[in-house]
Amino acid sequence: MRKLVAAISVAVVGLLGVVPGTAVAERDRGASGECRTPSIDRLQQWLASGEGATVPAEGSLLVPVRGHDYAAKVSFLNAEWHVVVVWLGNQFEAQADLSKSAGFWLTYSATEDLYVQLRPASHWSGGDKWLTLVPSTHGRTVTKFFSFKPSAWTTLPELGTPAYSFDSAIREARGLVFVGKTANEITFRGLKVHGYRPPCL
């Protein structure tokens, strides 16, 4: 009888294409679909770049909230440019073609205005990027949709004008980079890009 049950089990595994240990691995990701390591909407790399005075000064912004959930918290200090990076593919070398995406939903709170830049892999460095305003919420948590229509993105004279089109940038998106020049208390609780599922590392 035991041999029969074992044989049936093996047959079911073969028919369904279930790999032993897969169910456990999926449980480790949690019911929310998050990664096994800290993440927000499967985005694992929320980083203070060390540019501008921030708290934390460098490294991950992720902190635990409500049990197994995470938020990314950062304080911008002083009247200078600050830079916070989110790698869309969870590693620097990765990039994503978001040309078919309508945009992204951001759940956040901020005491002052800031901007988000779309940074492509081929023109990662420098401040001369396409960007759009992320308005202050006066400390309240809100969810706002940001369109990927080219007309929704602009430049700042102080940071420079990119020498490439927005359309080319969206096809090789490496990261969303949040920048601001004023003191600010910011908390990110969600970032979902339409039509894109970040790979967990």
C-alpha atoms as a PDB file:
ATOM      1  CA  MET A   1       0.000   0.000   0.000  1.00  0.00           C
ATOM      2  CA  ARG A   2       2.807   2.421   0.901  1.00  0.00           C
ATOM      3  CA  LYS A   3       4.550   1.700  -2.396  1.00  0.00           C
ATOM      4  CA  LEU A   4       1.273   2.391  -4.246  1.00  0.00           C
ATOM      5  CA  VAL A   5       0.762   5.734  -2.469  1.00  0.00           C
ATOM      6  CA  ALA A   6       4.378   6.732  -3.188  1.00  0.00           C
ATOM      7  CA  ALA A   7       3.993   5.838  -6.850  1.00  0.00           C
ATOM      8  CA  ILE A   8       0.766   7.875  -7.126  1.00  0.00           C
ATOM      9  CA  SER A   9       2.461  10.847  -5.468  1.00  0.00           C
ATOM     10  CA  VAL A  10       5.355  10.716  -7.917  1.00  0.00           C
ATOM     11  CA  ALA A  11       2.917  10.477 -10.835  1.00  0.00           C
ATOM     12  CA  VAL A  12       0.939  13.514  -9.621  1.00  0.00           C
ATOM     13  CA  VAL A  13       4.111  15.527  -9.232  1.00  0.00           C
ATOM     14  CA  GLY A  14       5.147  14.596 -12.756  1.00  0.00           C
ATOM     15  CA  LEU A  15       1.744  15.402 -14.277  1.00  0.00           C
ATOM     16  CA  LEU A  16       1.367  18.757 -12.532  1.00  0.00           C
ATOM     17  CA  GLY A  17       4.949  19.819 -13.024  1.00  0.00           C
ATOM     18  CA  VAL A  18       5.323  20.463  -9.311  1.00  0.00           C
ATOM     19  CA  VAL A  19       8.885  20.590  -8.112  1.00  0.00           C
ATOM     20  CA  PRO A  20       9.416  19.390  -4.535  1.00  0.00           C
ATOM     21  CA  GLY A  21      10.038  22.358  -2.268  1.00  0.00           C
ATOM     22  CA  THR A  22       8.259  24.826  -4.604  1.00  0.00           C
ATOM     23  CA  ALA A  23       5.244  25.178  -2.318  1.00  0.00           C
ATOM     24  CA  VAL A  24       7.525  25.944   0.614  1.00  0.00           C
ATOM     25  CA  ALA A  25       9.435  28.526  -1.426  1.00  0.00           C
ATOM     26  CA  GLU A  26       6.203  30.220  -2.455  1.00  0.00           C
ATOM     27  CA  ARG A  27       5.001  30.276   1.165  1.00  0.00           C
ATOM     28  CA  ASP A  28       8.260  31.988   2.107  1.00  0.00           C
ATOM     29  CA  ARG A  29       7.276  34.826  -0.220  1.00  0.00           C
ATOM     30  CA  GLY A  30       4.109  35.355   1.817  1.00  0.00           C
ATOM     31  CA  ALA A  31       0.495  35.707   0.757  1.00  0.00           C
ATOM     32  CA  SER A  32       1.154  39.268  -0.442  1.00  0.00           C
ATOM     33  CA  GLY A  33       3.561  38.059  -3.132  1.00  0.00           C
ATOM     34  CA  GLU A  34       6.465  39.925  -1.549  1.00  0.00           C
ATOM     35  CA  CYS A  35      10.035  38.669  -1.748  1.00  0.00           C
ATOM     36  CA  ARG A  36      11.633  36.527   0.955  1.00  0.00           C
ATOM     37  CA  THR A  37      13.898  39.426   1.914  1.00  0.00           C
ATOM     38  CA  PRO A  38      12.482  42.895   2.800  1.00  0.00           C
ATOM     39  CA  SER A  39      10.637  44.523  -0.102  1.00  0.00           C
ATOM     40  CA  ILE A  40       7.832  46.882  -1.041  1.00  0.00           C
ATOM     41  CA  ASP A  41       5.740  45.580  -3.945  1.00  0.00           C
ATOM     42  CA  ARG A  42       8.661  43.217  -4.710  1.00  0.00           C
ATOM     43  CA  LEU A  43      11.117  46.126  -4.953  1.00  0.00           C
ATOM     44  CA  GLN A  44      13.997  45.187  -2.649  1.00  0.00           C
ATOM     45  CA  GLN A  45      16.454  48.020  -3.271  1.00  0.00           C
ATOM     46  CA  TRP A  46      15.397  51.362  -1.746  1.00  0.00           C
ATOM     47  CA  LEU A  47      18.682  53.150  -1.212  1.00  0.00           C
ATOM     48  CA  ALA A  48      20.054  56.398   0.172  1.00  0.00           C
ATOM     49  CA  SER A  49      22.817  57.210  -2.308  1.00  0.00           C
ATOM     50  CA  GLY A  50      24.971  59.371  -0.034  1.00  0.00           C
ATOM     51  CA  GLU A  51      24.236  62.435  -2.180  1.00  0.00           C
ATOM     52  CA  GLY A  52      22.958  65.190   0.080  1.00  0.00           C
ATOM     53  CA  ALA A  53      22.521  64.974   3.841  1.00  0.00           C
ATOM     54  CA  THR A  54      19.934  62.292   4.616  1.00  0.00           C
ATOM     55  CA  VAL A  55      18.926  59.996   7.458  1.00  0.00           C
ATOM     56  CA  PRO A  56      19.945  57.272   6.876  1.00  0.00           C
ATOM     57  CA  ALA A  57      23.033  58.637   5.125  1.00  0.00           C
ATOM     58  CA  GLU A  58      23.538  55.566   2.927  1.00  0.00           C
ATOM     59  CA  GLY A  59      22.161  52.076   2.403  1.00  0.00           C
ATOM     60  CA  SER A  60      18.686  50.591   2.675  1.00  0.00           C
ATOM     61  CA  LEU A  61      15.694  52.700   3.699  1.00  0.00           C
ATOM     62  CA  LEU A  62      13.513  49.678   4.471  1.00  0.00           C
ATOM     63  CA  VAL A  63      12.096  49.355   7.983  1.00  0.00           C
ATOM     64  CA  PRO A  64       9.510  46.847   9.276  1.00  0.00           C
ATOM     65  CA  VAL A  65       5.944  48.016   9.832  1.00  0.00           C
ATOM     66  CA  ARG A  66       2.829  46.045  10.793  1.00  0.00           C
ATOM     67  CA  GLY A  67       4.500  42.696  11.239  1.00  0.00           C
ATOM     68  CA  HIS A  68       5.932  41.457   7.945  1.00  0.00           C
ATOM     69  CA  ASP A  69       5.277  44.595   5.871  1.00  0.00           C
ATOM     70  CA  TYR A  70       7.937  47.189   5.121  1.00  0.00           C
ATOM     71  CA  ALA A  71       8.127  50.914   4.455  1.00  0.00           C
ATOM     72  CA  ALA A  72      11.016  52.981   3.098  1.00  0.00           C
ATOM     73  CA  LYS A  73      11.694  56.000   5.301  1.00  0.00           C
ATOM     74  CA  VAL A  74      14.139  58.847   4.717  1.00  0.00           C
ATOM     75  CA  SER A  75      14.728  62.357   5.996  1.00  0.00           C
ATOM     76  CA  PHE A  76      16.162  64.998   3.674  1.00  0.00           C
ATOM     77  CA  LEU A  77      18.220  67.521   5.650  1.00  0.00           C
ATOM     78  CA  ASN A  78      19.271  71.052   4.654  1.00  0.00           C
ATOM     79  CA  ALA A  79      18.688  73.026   1.436  1.00  0.00           C
ATOM     80  CA  GLU A  80      20.682  70.850  -0.961  1.00  0.00           C
ATOM     81  CA  TRP A  81      19.953  68.120  -3.491  1.00  0.00           C
ATOM     82  CA  HIS A  82      19.242  64.693  -2.021  1.00  0.00           C
ATOM     83  CA  VAL A  83      19.041  61.422  -3.949  1.00  0.00           C
ATOM     84  CA  VAL A  84      17.123  58.210  -3.163  1.00  0.00           C
ATOM     85  CA  VAL A  85      17.334  55.285  -5.601  1.00  0.00           C
ATOM     86  CA  VAL A  86      14.942  52.444  -6.394  1.00  0.00           C
ATOM     87  CA  TRP A  87      16.369  49.771  -8.714  1.00  0.00           C
ATOM     88  CA  LEU A  88      13.480  48.430 -10.796  1.00  0.00           C
ATOM     89  CA  GLY A  89      15.125  45.043 -11.381  1.00  0.00           C
ATOM     90  CA  ASN A  90      16.495  44.806  -7.820  1.00  0.00           C
ATOM     91  CA  GLN A  91      20.088  44.960  -9.030  1.00  0.00           C
ATOM     92  CA  PHE A  92      22.069  47.727 -10.674  1.00  0.00           C
ATOM     93  CA  GLU A  93      22.778  45.832 -13.884  1.00  0.00           C
ATOM     94  CA  ALA A  94      19.087  45.120 -14.586  1.00  0.00           C
ATOM     95  CA  GLN A  95      16.799  47.206 -16.748  1.00  0.00           C
ATOM     96  CA  ALA A  96      13.173  47.044 -17.862  1.00  0.00           C
ATOM     97  CA  ASP A  97      11.318  48.020 -21.028  1.00  0.00           C
ATOM     98  CA  LEU A  98       8.356  50.006 -19.693  1.00  0.00           C
ATOM     99  CA  SER A  99       7.259  51.379 -23.072  1.00  0.00           C
ATOM    100  CA  LYS A 100       3.957  49.465 -22.808  1.00  0.00           C
ATOM    101  CA  SER A 101       3.309  50.563 -19.221  1.00  0.00           C
ATOM    102  CA  ALA A 102       0.747  53.276 -18.486  1.00  0.00           C
ATOM    103  CA  GLY A 103       2.630  54.478 -15.404  1.00  0.00           C
ATOM    104  CA  PHE A 104       2.962  53.673 -11.723  1.00  0.00           C
ATOM    105  CA  TRP A 105       1.075  54.043  -8.456  1.00  0.00           C
ATOM    106  CA  LEU A 106       3.019  55.506  -5.555  1.00  0.00           C
ATOM    107  CA  THR A 107       1.809  55.288  -1.967  1.00  0.00           C
ATOM    108  CA  TYR A 108       3.748  57.785   0.098  1.00  0.00           C
ATOM    109  CA  SER A 109       3.804  60.707   2.480  1.00  0.00           C
ATOM    110  CA  ALA A 110       6.019  63.788   2.169  1.00  0.00           C
ATOM    111  CA  THR A 111       6.149  67.051   4.063  1.00  0.00           C
ATOM    112  CA  GLU A 112       7.495  68.954   1.024  1.00  0.00           C
ATOM    113  CA  ASP A 113       7.531  68.604  -2.766  1.00  0.00           C
ATOM    114  CA  LEU A 114      10.119  66.381  -4.417  1.00  0.00           C
ATOM    115  CA  TYR A 115      10.701  64.897  -7.880  1.00  0.00           C
ATOM    116  CA  VAL A 116      11.082  61.442  -9.367  1.00  0.00           C
ATOM    117  CA  GLN A 117      13.498  60.873 -12.242  1.00  0.00           C
ATOM    118  CA  LEU A 118      13.344  58.046 -14.757  1.00  0.00           C
ATOM    119  CA  ARG A 119      16.952  56.953 -15.169  1.00  0.00           C
ATOM    120  CA  PRO A 120      17.900  54.738 -18.138  1.00  0.00           C
ATOM    121  CA  ALA A 121      20.751  52.250 -18.124  1.00  0.00           C
ATOM    122  CA  SER A 122      22.699  54.073 -20.854  1.00  0.00           C
ATOM    123  CA  HIS A 123      22.516  57.473 -19.100  1.00  0.00           C
ATOM    124  CA  TRP A 124      22.421  56.540 -15.440  1.00  0.00           C
ATOM    125  CA  SER A 125      24.695  59.149 -13.893  1.00  0.00           C
ATOM    126  CA  GLY A 126      24.136  62.882 -13.634  1.00  0.00           C
ATOM    127  CA  GLY A 127      21.177  65.054 -12.771  1.00  0.00           C
ATOM    128  CA  ASP A 128      20.081  65.811 -16.350  1.00  0.00           C
ATOM    129  CA  LYS A 129      17.143  63.412 -16.428  1.00  0.00           C
ATOM    130  CA  TRP A 130      13.462  63.380 -17.332  1.00  0.00           C
ATOM    131  CA  LEU A 131      11.466  63.953 -14.158  1.00  0.00           C
ATOM    132  CA  THR A 132       8.020  64.706 -12.782  1.00  0.00           C
ATOM    133  CA  LEU A 133       6.801  66.393  -9.626  1.00  0.00           C
ATOM    134  CA  VAL A 134       5.910  64.319  -6.579  1.00  0.00           C
ATOM    135  CA  PRO A 135       3.774  66.790  -4.639  1.00  0.00           C
ATOM    136  CA  SER A 136       3.834  67.247  -0.887  1.00  0.00           C
ATOM    137  CA  THR A 137       1.109  65.409   1.009  1.00  0.00           C
ATOM    138  CA  HIS A 138       1.661  67.547   4.128  1.00  0.00           C
ATOM    139  CA  GLY A 139       2.562  64.378   5.983  1.00  0.00           C
ATOM    140  CA  ARG A 140      -0.554  62.396   5.026  1.00  0.00           C
ATOM    141  CA  THR A 141      -0.268  59.012   3.323  1.00  0.00           C
ATOM    142  CA  VAL A 142      -1.795  59.058  -0.168  1.00  0.00           C
ATOM    143  CA  THR A 143      -1.732  56.929  -3.309  1.00  0.00           C
ATOM    144  CA  LYS A 144      -1.104  58.827  -6.546  1.00  0.00           C
ATOM    145  CA  PHE A 145      -0.816  57.647 -10.147  1.00  0.00           C
ATOM    146  CA  PHE A 146       2.087  58.949 -12.256  1.00  0.00           C
ATOM    147  CA  SER A 147       1.618  58.566 -16.016  1.00  0.00           C
ATOM    148  CA  PHE A 148       4.368  57.483 -18.386  1.00  0.00           C
ATOM    149  CA  LYS A 149       3.003  59.763 -21.110  1.00  0.00           C
ATOM    150  CA  PRO A 150       5.977  61.832 -22.331  1.00  0.00           C
ATOM    151  CA  SER A 151       3.951  65.022 -21.826  1.00  0.00           C
ATOM    152  CA  ALA A 152       3.804  64.275 -18.074  1.00  0.00           C
ATOM    153  CA  TRP A 153       7.605  64.458 -17.760  1.00  0.00           C
ATOM    154  CA  THR A 154       9.804  67.519 -17.904  1.00  0.00           C
ATOM    155  CA  THR A 155      13.253  68.814 -16.950  1.00  0.00           C
ATOM    156  CA  LEU A 156      14.706  71.308 -14.473  1.00  0.00           C
ATOM    157  CA  PRO A 157      17.133  73.957 -15.776  1.00  0.00           C
ATOM    158  CA  GLU A 158      19.169  73.605 -12.588  1.00  0.00           C
ATOM    159  CA  LEU A 159      19.754  69.908 -13.235  1.00  0.00           C
ATOM    160  CA  GLY A 160      20.160  70.111 -16.995  1.00  0.00           C
ATOM    161  CA  THR A 161      18.354  68.825 -20.067  1.00  0.00           C
ATOM    162  CA  PRO A 162      18.949  65.198 -21.090  1.00  0.00           C
ATOM    163  CA  ALA A 163      20.482  64.585 -24.502  1.00  0.00           C
ATOM    164  CA  TYR A 164      18.087  61.694 -25.167  1.00  0.00           C
ATOM    165  CA  SER A 165      14.322  61.348 -25.538  1.00  0.00           C
ATOM    166  CA  PHE A 166      11.902  60.196 -22.885  1.00  0.00           C
ATOM    167  CA  ASP A 167      10.776  57.438 -25.264  1.00  0.00           C
ATOM    168  CA  SER A 168      14.302  56.013 -25.375  1.00  0.00           C
ATOM    169  CA  ALA A 169      14.642  56.226 -21.586  1.00  0.00           C
ATOM    170  CA  ILE A 170      11.433  54.316 -20.900  1.00  0.00           C
ATOM    171  CA  ARG A 171      12.688  51.384 -22.991  1.00  0.00           C
ATOM    172  CA  GLU A 172      15.753  50.845 -20.810  1.00  0.00           C
ATOM    173  CA  ALA A 173      14.587  51.938 -17.375  1.00  0.00           C
ATOM    174  CA  ARG A 174      17.087  51.004 -14.690  1.00  0.00           C
ATOM    175  CA  GLY A 175      15.582  52.891 -11.779  1.00  0.00           C
ATOM    176  CA  LEU A 176      13.263  55.502 -10.390  1.00  0.00           C
ATOM    177  CA  VAL A 177      15.292  58.098  -8.499  1.00  0.00           C
ATOM    178  CA  PHE A 178      13.674  60.475  -6.029  1.00  0.00           C
ATOM    179  CA  VAL A 179      15.370  63.847  -5.645  1.00  0.00           C
ATOM    180  CA  GLY A 180      14.611  66.975  -3.658  1.00  0.00           C
ATOM    181  CA  LYS A 181      16.330  70.171  -2.586  1.00  0.00           C
ATOM    182  CA  THR A 182      14.477  70.965   0.630  1.00  0.00           C
ATOM    183  CA  ALA A 183      14.279  69.387   4.066  1.00  0.00           C
ATOM    184  CA  ASN A 184      11.631  66.681   3.865  1.00  0.00           C
ATOM    185  CA  GLU A 185      10.225  63.735   5.810  1.00  0.00           C
ATOM    186  CA  ILE A 186       9.309  60.997   3.351  1.00  0.00           C
ATOM    187  CA  THR A 187       7.814  57.538   3.757  1.00  0.00           C
ATOM    188  CA  PHE A 188       7.185  55.190   0.827  1.00  0.00           C
ATOM    189  CA  ARG A 189       4.668  52.394   1.358  1.00  0.00           C
ATOM    190  CA  GLY A 190       3.928  51.234  -2.167  1.00  0.00           C
ATOM    191  CA  LEU A 191       5.239  51.458  -5.740  1.00  0.00           C
ATOM    192  CA  LYS A 192       3.455  49.409  -8.386  1.00  0.00           C
ATOM    193  CA  VAL A 193       4.415  49.792 -12.039  1.00  0.00           C
ATOM    194  CA  HIS A 194       1.583  48.945 -14.440  1.00  0.00           C
ATOM    195  CA  GLY A 195       2.384  45.777 -16.393  1.00  0.00           C
ATOM    196  CA  TYR A 196       5.695  45.116 -14.649  1.00  0.00           C
ATOM    197  CA  ARG A 197       6.494  42.522 -11.967  1.00  0.00           C
ATOM    198  CA  PRO A 198       9.945  42.966 -10.386  1.00  0.00           C
ATOM    199  CA  PRO A 199      11.995  39.766 -10.058  1.00  0.00           C
ATOM    200  CA  CYS A 200      12.851  38.806  -6.492  1.00  0.00           C
ATOM    201  CA  LEU A 201      16.528  38.174  -5.854  1.00  0.00           C
END
